[in-house]
Every structure is written in C-alpha cells, then in structure tokens.
Amino acid sequence: MTFIRHAFVLMLSVCLGCVAQSAAPASSTGLSNKIERQVRSYYKIPPDVKISVSAPVPSSEFPNYDSVSVIVDNGEKKQDLTFLVSKDRSSLMRTVKFDLNKDPFVETMNKIDISGRPTRGAKGSKVVLVNFDDFECPFCSRLHHTLFPEILKEYGDRVTFIYKDYPLVEIHPWAMHAAVDANCLAAQSSDAYWDFADYIHSNQNEVSNEKTPSARLEAVDKLTMQQGQKHNLDIAKLQACVKAQDESAVKTSMKQGESVGVDATPVVFVNGEEVSGGAVSANVIRAALDRALKDAGVPAPQHSAANATPASK
C-alpha cells in the first residue's frame, strides 16, 4: 500500500532553491533563527520537526559564501543538509552537487541483490525490472495484474522481471508469512513461486477473510502446499521450510529496499531507475522500459495505437 513518504525530507534532498534574507548583518543566534524560519517556510516543515542550524564556516568551494549545516530531525530520522549563506548575510542558497563520474541508476542496482531470485521474461537480459512486493498489499495486486500478463506479453522477450520482498509488517500481519512461504517454493521451483504470486495477488481475500490470525497463516500455508503438489515438489522439504519460517532472507531484502529508498509498496526499479511508487499505469512502466531498452541498444517492442508510449526526447 502506498503511503506519503516523509515528504519534507524528500523535498529537501532534491530541491535546488535560493531564498532572500535581510541585508542587515546578524548575530549567530539571529542568523540561525532566520535560517530556520526560511527553511521551515520554504519546505513546509511541520512545527513538531526539530531543526538545528550550525555556526557558519567558510565554504571551500564558494569564496563569497559561508557554509551552514541544517539538521532536520522528525524523531525517527535525521538528515544533515548543507546550505550556503552569503558573507553579508543577505541570501541563503541550497545547492545539490552531482558526481558525473557515477551513474546513479547503476549505483542503485548495485545495492539490490537479484541473484537466485525467480525470474519471468527474458533470461540474462540487458534490462531488469525489479518490483518490491507485499503479498497482502492491494496496490501490489493492482500492479501485479498490470505487469502480468499485460507488460510481460509486450516485453517478455527482452526484459527480465524480478520480485523482491518488502512486507509491510506493521499493517499487513500475514505478509511476512506469505513471503517466507513463497521463498520456500522458489527454493525448488521458479514456476511454483510465480503461480503462488499470481494466485495470492488475485485472491487476497481468501486469506484475509479468515476470522483469526492463526487461520490466515494456515490459509497461506495451505495455498503454498497446493502449489508444491501442483509442481511435484519435494513435499517433505517444503513442509520443513514452511514450518521453520526463517525470515532472514526476507529481512535482508527489506534492508536492501530501505537502502534504495523503499518505505512503501509497490516500488518498481527499471535498471536502477525508480518508477513512481504505487499501482502506476502500464504506460508509465512502458516509458521506463522503452528508455532503458534504448539506452541498452535494444529495440523497444511495437505498441498498438491504444498503448503507444510517447517517444523519449
């Protein structure tokens, strides 16, 4: 389920802005207060979020400016942001420096371990779509049905599709259990994993409508064993895995998601480029895939008039 993601932190980390200050020199305390007021106003930071402003120090990159550190603390997360204040204390500026020697999309993909994960579509392709998924999330189900079969039919011969686990355990009580069970299936059969994912994302109510928490977990296990039988898996091995409920792999996947900014589901990455979170439309997915294919030197598929994706500039 998609949630508002600490909007003020995200805005601060990507915005490039400049705000005016009074031309009169200010004391250190007065300057800190002015900076805090400007930052709160411009970025609409809530009153209960603490802001601390450091004393100015000479900037090593901008000779006419001093550097100040602004720490934004909402009680759960802290972010240290650097601003520039002019020597005459008349203006404050926030700049973002980019290292053009690094590809941010490659850096993101390097943080996501996809080895050993079940795949759909092309094998070893130059374009990989990774979706951080929650089996109990209704928005994940909507996106799942956009990807499969719609997007898979168009791109399955040139794109690899991979799911990573990100159960929202605080609001989805059986999502972790389902992720563990799915991985038990994946350990023996990629097809069994995907059939389980397809079924769960089409029949979440079959589990959620059970009256007690234990009954819901039992329903998940039942569906898991049915897939095991359908795909002729080693049932004894599957039962042992389901009974053990080892959450370590799922938790590792969640940490990887957090390292690339995931805090809700679903979130899709195409070769490391984040596609807007939530149950995005097929055309949004197509645009990301077509651009990644172009960058990789692979032709994009032909789209019907109804599904045409705007050409990249």
Protein backbone atom coordinates (compact mmCIF):
# COMPACT_ATOMS: atom_id res chain seq x y z
CA MET A 1 0.00 0.00 0.00
CA THR A 2 1.34 3.37 -0.96
CA PHE A 3 1.88 5.90 1.78
CA ILE A 4 3.05 9.52 1.94
CA ARG A 5 6.79 9.20 2.30
CA HIS A 6 8.27 11.79 4.68
CA ALA A 7 7.64 14.45 2.05
CA PHE A 8 9.66 17.18 3.66
CA VAL A 9 12.83 15.01 3.72
CA LEU A 10 12.48 14.06 0.07
CA MET A 11 11.87 17.67 -0.97
CA LEU A 12 14.91 18.88 0.92
CA SER A 13 17.15 16.25 -0.61
CA VAL A 14 16.31 17.02 -4.23
CA CYS A 15 15.29 20.69 -4.36
CA LEU A 16 17.57 23.44 -5.63
CA GLY A 17 16.49 26.73 -4.17
CA CYS A 18 17.52 30.20 -3.10
CA VAL A 19 15.65 32.37 -0.62
CA ALA A 20 16.20 36.02 0.26
CA GLN A 21 17.32 37.26 3.65
CA SER A 22 17.51 40.66 5.29
CA ALA A 23 20.52 42.69 4.13
CA ALA A 24 21.49 43.63 7.66
CA PRO A 25 24.28 41.58 9.29
CA ALA A 26 23.01 39.28 12.01
CA SER A 27 24.40 37.74 15.14
CA SER A 28 25.00 33.99 15.15
CA THR A 29 21.80 33.39 17.13
CA GLY A 30 19.79 35.78 14.99
CA LEU A 31 21.15 34.24 11.80
CA SER A 32 20.27 30.72 12.94
CA ASN A 33 16.73 31.82 13.69
CA LYS A 34 16.37 33.47 10.29
CA ILE A 35 17.69 30.39 8.50
CA GLU A 36 15.34 28.11 10.42
CA ARG A 37 12.34 30.30 9.59
CA GLN A 38 13.22 30.38 5.89
CA VAL A 39 13.75 26.61 5.74
CA ARG A 40 10.52 25.87 7.60
CA SER A 41 8.53 28.21 5.37
CA TYR A 42 10.01 27.24 2.01
CA TYR A 43 9.89 23.47 2.56
CA LYS A 44 6.69 23.49 4.67
CA ILE A 45 8.28 21.58 7.55
CA PRO A 46 5.79 20.77 10.36
CA PRO A 47 6.22 22.57 13.71
CA ASP A 48 6.94 19.33 15.60
CA VAL A 49 10.00 18.61 13.45
CA LYS A 50 13.18 19.88 15.09
CA ILE A 51 15.65 21.98 13.10
CA SER A 52 19.19 22.75 14.26
CA VAL A 53 21.48 25.23 12.49
CA SER A 54 25.27 25.16 12.91
CA ALA A 55 27.57 28.18 13.11
CA PRO A 56 28.77 29.38 9.68
CA VAL A 57 32.20 28.29 8.43
CA PRO A 58 33.98 29.44 5.25
CA SER A 59 32.94 27.48 2.16
CA SER A 60 35.80 25.71 0.40
CA GLU A 61 34.02 25.82 -2.98
CA PHE A 62 32.21 29.16 -2.95
CA PRO A 63 34.50 32.01 -1.75
CA ASN A 64 31.71 34.56 -1.31
CA TYR A 65 29.70 32.26 0.92
CA ASP A 66 29.92 30.52 4.25
CA SER A 67 28.60 27.03 4.81
CA VAL A 68 25.98 26.14 7.42
CA SER A 69 24.68 22.71 8.36
CA VAL A 70 20.92 22.36 8.89
CA ILE A 71 19.84 19.19 10.69
CA VAL A 72 16.20 18.17 10.25
CA ASP A 73 15.03 15.70 12.91
CA ASN A 74 11.50 14.26 12.99
CA GLY A 75 12.26 11.92 15.89
CA GLU A 76 12.75 8.89 13.66
CA LYS A 77 15.16 10.10 11.02
CA LYS A 78 17.77 12.84 10.86
CA GLN A 79 19.05 14.48 7.72
CA ASP A 80 22.05 16.80 7.64
CA LEU A 81 21.75 19.34 4.84
CA THR A 82 24.29 21.93 3.77
CA PHE A 83 23.27 25.49 2.88
CA LEU A 84 25.34 28.46 1.74
CA VAL A 85 24.90 31.90 3.33
CA SER A 86 26.42 34.99 1.75
CA LYS A 87 29.16 36.88 3.58
CA ASP A 88 26.88 39.90 4.00
CA ARG A 89 24.15 37.56 5.33
CA SER A 90 21.71 38.77 2.69
CA SER A 91 20.95 35.44 1.00
CA LEU A 92 20.75 31.73 1.67
CA MET A 93 21.24 29.10 -1.01
CA ARG A 94 20.81 25.34 -1.21
CA THR A 95 22.77 23.56 -3.93
CA VAL A 96 22.96 19.94 -4.96
CA LYS A 97 26.25 18.66 -6.29
CA PHE A 98 26.21 15.71 -8.71
CA ASP A 99 29.16 13.42 -9.39
CA LEU A 100 29.04 12.92 -13.16
CA ASN A 101 31.62 10.14 -12.88
CA LYS A 102 28.95 7.91 -11.31
CA ASP A 103 25.71 6.60 -12.80
CA PRO A 104 23.01 6.86 -10.10
CA PHE A 105 20.92 4.09 -11.68
CA VAL A 106 23.89 1.71 -11.70
CA GLU A 107 24.65 2.66 -8.11
CA THR A 108 21.07 1.77 -7.16
CA MET A 109 21.10 -1.59 -8.94
CA ASN A 110 24.38 -2.47 -7.23
CA LYS A 111 22.54 -2.24 -3.89
CA ILE A 112 19.83 -4.71 -4.95
CA ASP A 113 20.84 -8.37 -4.87
CA ILE A 114 18.84 -10.22 -7.53
CA SER A 115 20.94 -13.38 -7.54
CA GLY A 116 18.92 -16.55 -7.09
CA ARG A 117 15.55 -14.78 -7.38
CA PRO A 118 12.80 -16.31 -9.54
CA THR A 119 12.56 -14.58 -12.90
CA ARG A 120 9.99 -14.09 -15.61
CA GLY A 121 10.60 -12.97 -19.16
CA ALA A 122 13.99 -12.95 -20.81
CA LYS A 123 16.95 -14.66 -19.21
CA GLY A 124 20.06 -12.57 -18.63
CA SER A 125 18.67 -9.54 -20.45
CA LYS A 126 20.20 -6.07 -20.50
CA VAL A 127 17.09 -4.59 -18.88
CA VAL A 128 15.84 -5.76 -15.50
CA LEU A 129 12.61 -4.70 -13.81
CA VAL A 130 12.68 -5.19 -10.03
CA ASN A 131 9.48 -4.83 -8.01
CA PHE A 132 9.48 -4.63 -4.21
CA ASP A 133 6.30 -6.52 -3.40
CA ASP A 134 3.96 -7.26 -0.48
CA PHE A 135 1.54 -10.17 -0.89
CA GLU A 136 -1.10 -8.54 1.34
CA CYS A 137 -0.94 -5.11 -0.31
CA PRO A 138 -3.94 -4.29 -2.55
CA PHE A 139 -1.93 -1.78 -4.60
CA CYS A 140 0.67 -4.51 -5.18
CA SER A 141 -2.08 -6.72 -6.57
CA ARG A 142 -3.16 -3.99 -8.96
CA LEU A 143 0.39 -3.50 -10.20
CA HIS A 144 0.91 -7.27 -10.43
CA HIS A 145 -2.02 -7.56 -12.83
CA THR A 146 -0.58 -4.72 -14.91
CA LEU A 147 2.79 -6.44 -15.16
CA PHE A 148 1.35 -9.91 -15.67
CA PRO A 149 0.21 -10.58 -18.25
CA GLU A 150 -0.06 -7.15 -19.95
CA ILE A 151 3.51 -5.85 -19.76
CA LEU A 152 5.04 -9.33 -19.85
CA LYS A 153 3.34 -10.06 -23.18
CA GLU A 154 4.96 -6.99 -24.75
CA TYR A 155 8.41 -7.11 -23.15
CA GLY A 156 8.91 -10.72 -22.08
CA ASP A 157 11.39 -11.46 -24.87
CA ARG A 158 13.72 -8.60 -23.92
CA VAL A 159 13.18 -7.74 -20.22
CA THR A 160 13.79 -9.76 -17.04
CA PHE A 161 11.14 -9.40 -14.31
CA ILE A 162 12.14 -9.99 -10.67
CA TYR A 163 10.29 -9.57 -7.36
CA LYS A 164 11.93 -8.65 -4.08
CA ASP A 165 10.24 -8.97 -0.69
CA TYR A 166 9.11 -5.91 1.25
CA PRO A 167 6.21 -6.94 3.52
CA LEU A 168 4.75 -4.01 5.45
CA VAL A 169 4.63 -5.98 8.68
CA GLU A 170 3.14 -3.20 10.80
CA ILE A 171 -0.10 -3.12 8.81
CA HIS A 172 -0.11 -6.43 6.92
CA PRO A 173 0.05 -9.20 9.54
CA TRP A 174 0.28 -12.19 7.18
CA ALA A 175 2.53 -10.61 4.51
CA MET A 176 5.80 -11.77 6.11
CA HIS A 177 4.50 -15.34 6.43
CA ALA A 178 3.45 -15.33 2.77
CA ALA A 179 6.85 -14.01 1.68
CA VAL A 180 8.63 -16.78 3.60
CA ASP A 181 6.33 -19.43 2.12
CA ALA A 182 6.85 -18.04 -1.38
CA ASN A 183 10.60 -18.31 -0.92
CA CYS A 184 10.19 -21.90 0.21
CA LEU A 185 8.52 -22.58 -3.13
CA ALA A 186 11.15 -20.58 -5.01
CA ALA A 187 13.91 -22.72 -3.48
CA GLN A 188 12.56 -25.64 -5.51
CA SER A 189 10.72 -24.10 -8.47
CA SER A 190 10.56 -20.66 -10.05
CA ASP A 191 7.26 -21.61 -11.70
CA ALA A 192 5.76 -22.57 -8.33
CA TYR A 193 6.78 -19.21 -6.91
CA TRP A 194 5.15 -17.27 -9.74
CA ASP A 195 1.98 -19.35 -9.64
CA PHE A 196 1.75 -18.65 -5.92
CA ALA A 197 2.29 -14.92 -6.53
CA ASP A 198 -0.37 -14.89 -9.25
CA TYR A 199 -2.87 -16.69 -7.05
CA ILE A 200 -2.30 -14.62 -3.91
CA HIS A 201 -2.49 -11.35 -5.81
CA SER A 202 -5.80 -12.45 -7.32
CA ASN A 203 -7.26 -13.93 -4.14
CA GLN A 204 -6.02 -11.90 -1.16
CA ASN A 205 -9.49 -12.02 0.39
CA GLU A 206 -9.31 -15.80 0.55
CA VAL A 207 -6.69 -15.32 3.26
CA SER A 208 -7.82 -12.01 4.76
CA ASN A 209 -11.42 -13.19 5.26
CA GLU A 210 -10.34 -15.89 7.69
CA LYS A 211 -11.60 -14.95 11.16
CA THR A 212 -8.40 -15.32 13.22
CA PRO A 213 -4.72 -14.52 12.67
CA SER A 214 -3.74 -18.17 13.02
CA ALA A 215 -6.39 -19.19 10.49
CA ARG A 216 -4.96 -16.69 7.99
CA LEU A 217 -1.47 -18.13 8.36
CA GLU A 218 -2.88 -21.63 7.96
CA ALA A 219 -4.64 -20.50 4.77
CA VAL A 220 -1.33 -19.19 3.38
CA ASP A 221 0.38 -22.49 4.22
CA LYS A 222 -2.44 -24.43 2.56
CA LEU A 223 -2.07 -22.46 -0.65
CA THR A 224 1.69 -22.98 -0.51
CA MET A 225 1.34 -26.76 -0.19
CA GLN A 226 -1.16 -26.83 -3.04
CA GLN A 227 1.43 -25.21 -5.29
CA GLY A 228 4.01 -27.69 -4.07
CA GLN A 229 1.78 -30.59 -5.06
CA LYS A 230 0.87 -28.98 -8.38
CA HIS A 231 4.53 -28.64 -9.33
CA ASN A 232 5.61 -32.03 -7.93
CA LEU A 233 8.00 -30.54 -5.40
CA ASP A 234 9.67 -32.39 -2.55
CA ILE A 235 6.74 -32.07 -0.14
CA ALA A 236 8.66 -33.09 2.97
CA LYS A 237 11.31 -30.49 2.23
CA LEU A 238 8.66 -27.87 1.53
CA GLN A 239 6.79 -28.65 4.76
CA ALA A 240 10.00 -28.35 6.77
CA CYS A 241 10.76 -24.97 5.19
CA VAL A 242 7.24 -23.67 5.82
CA LYS A 243 7.31 -24.88 9.42
CA ALA A 244 10.70 -23.27 10.10
CA GLN A 245 9.50 -19.80 8.97
CA ASP A 246 13.03 -18.47 8.55
CA GLU A 247 12.56 -14.73 7.95
CA SER A 248 16.24 -13.88 7.44
CA ALA A 249 16.15 -13.72 3.62
CA VAL A 250 13.02 -11.57 3.67
CA LYS A 251 14.52 -9.18 6.20
CA THR A 252 17.69 -8.91 4.09
CA SER A 253 15.53 -8.00 1.10
CA MET A 254 13.76 -5.36 3.20
CA LYS A 255 17.09 -3.82 4.23
CA GLN A 256 18.14 -3.66 0.59
CA GLY A 257 14.88 -1.93 -0.22
CA GLU A 258 15.44 0.62 2.54
CA SER A 259 18.94 1.27 1.21
CA VAL A 260 17.45 2.47 -2.09
CA GLY A 261 14.64 4.47 -0.52
CA VAL A 262 11.78 1.96 -0.38
CA ASP A 263 9.40 2.57 2.50
CA ALA A 264 6.09 1.55 0.90
CA THR A 265 4.87 -0.90 -1.71
CA PRO A 266 4.90 -1.48 -4.56
CA VAL A 267 8.06 0.24 -5.80
CA VAL A 268 9.50 -0.61 -9.22
CA PHE A 269 13.04 -0.08 -10.46
CA VAL A 270 13.96 -0.43 -14.13
CA ASN A 271 17.73 -0.85 -14.46
CA GLY A 272 18.02 1.11 -11.23
CA GLU A 273 15.68 3.96 -12.20
CA GLU A 274 12.82 4.23 -9.73
CA VAL A 275 9.39 4.29 -11.27
CA SER A 276 6.91 6.25 -9.16
CA GLY A 277 5.68 4.07 -6.32
CA GLY A 278 2.17 2.69 -6.21
CA ALA A 279 -0.02 0.97 -8.74
CA VAL A 280 1.28 3.01 -11.68
CA SER A 281 -0.26 2.70 -15.12
CA ALA A 282 1.03 0.43 -17.84
CA ASN A 283 2.10 3.47 -19.88
CA VAL A 284 4.36 4.67 -17.07
CA ILE A 285 6.01 1.24 -16.99
CA ARG A 286 6.31 1.21 -20.77
CA ALA A 287 8.02 4.60 -20.81
CA ALA A 288 10.65 3.43 -18.30
CA LEU A 289 11.22 0.14 -20.11
CA ASP A 290 11.46 1.75 -23.55
CA ARG A 291 14.04 4.27 -22.30
CA ALA A 292 16.11 1.54 -20.62
CA LEU A 293 15.98 -0.61 -23.77
CA LYS A 294 17.08 2.35 -25.88
CA ASP A 295 19.99 3.04 -23.51
CA ALA A 296 20.98 -0.63 -23.72
CA GLY A 297 20.84 -0.63 -27.53
CA VAL A 298 17.86 -2.97 -27.63
CA PRO A 299 14.83 -2.09 -29.78
CA ALA A 300 11.60 -1.49 -27.90
CA PRO A 301 8.56 -3.52 -28.92
CA GLN A 302 5.95 -2.06 -31.24
CA HIS A 303 2.99 -0.66 -29.33
CA SER A 304 -0.58 -0.64 -30.51
CA ALA A 305 -2.18 2.76 -31.06
CA ALA A 306 -4.10 2.41 -27.78
CA ASN A 307 -0.94 1.58 -25.84
CA ALA A 308 1.50 3.88 -27.61
CA THR A 309 4.18 5.35 -25.34
CA PRO A 310 5.33 8.94 -26.02
CA ALA A 311 8.72 8.98 -27.69
CA SER A 312 11.71 9.84 -25.50
CA LYS A 313 13.38 13.15 -26.17
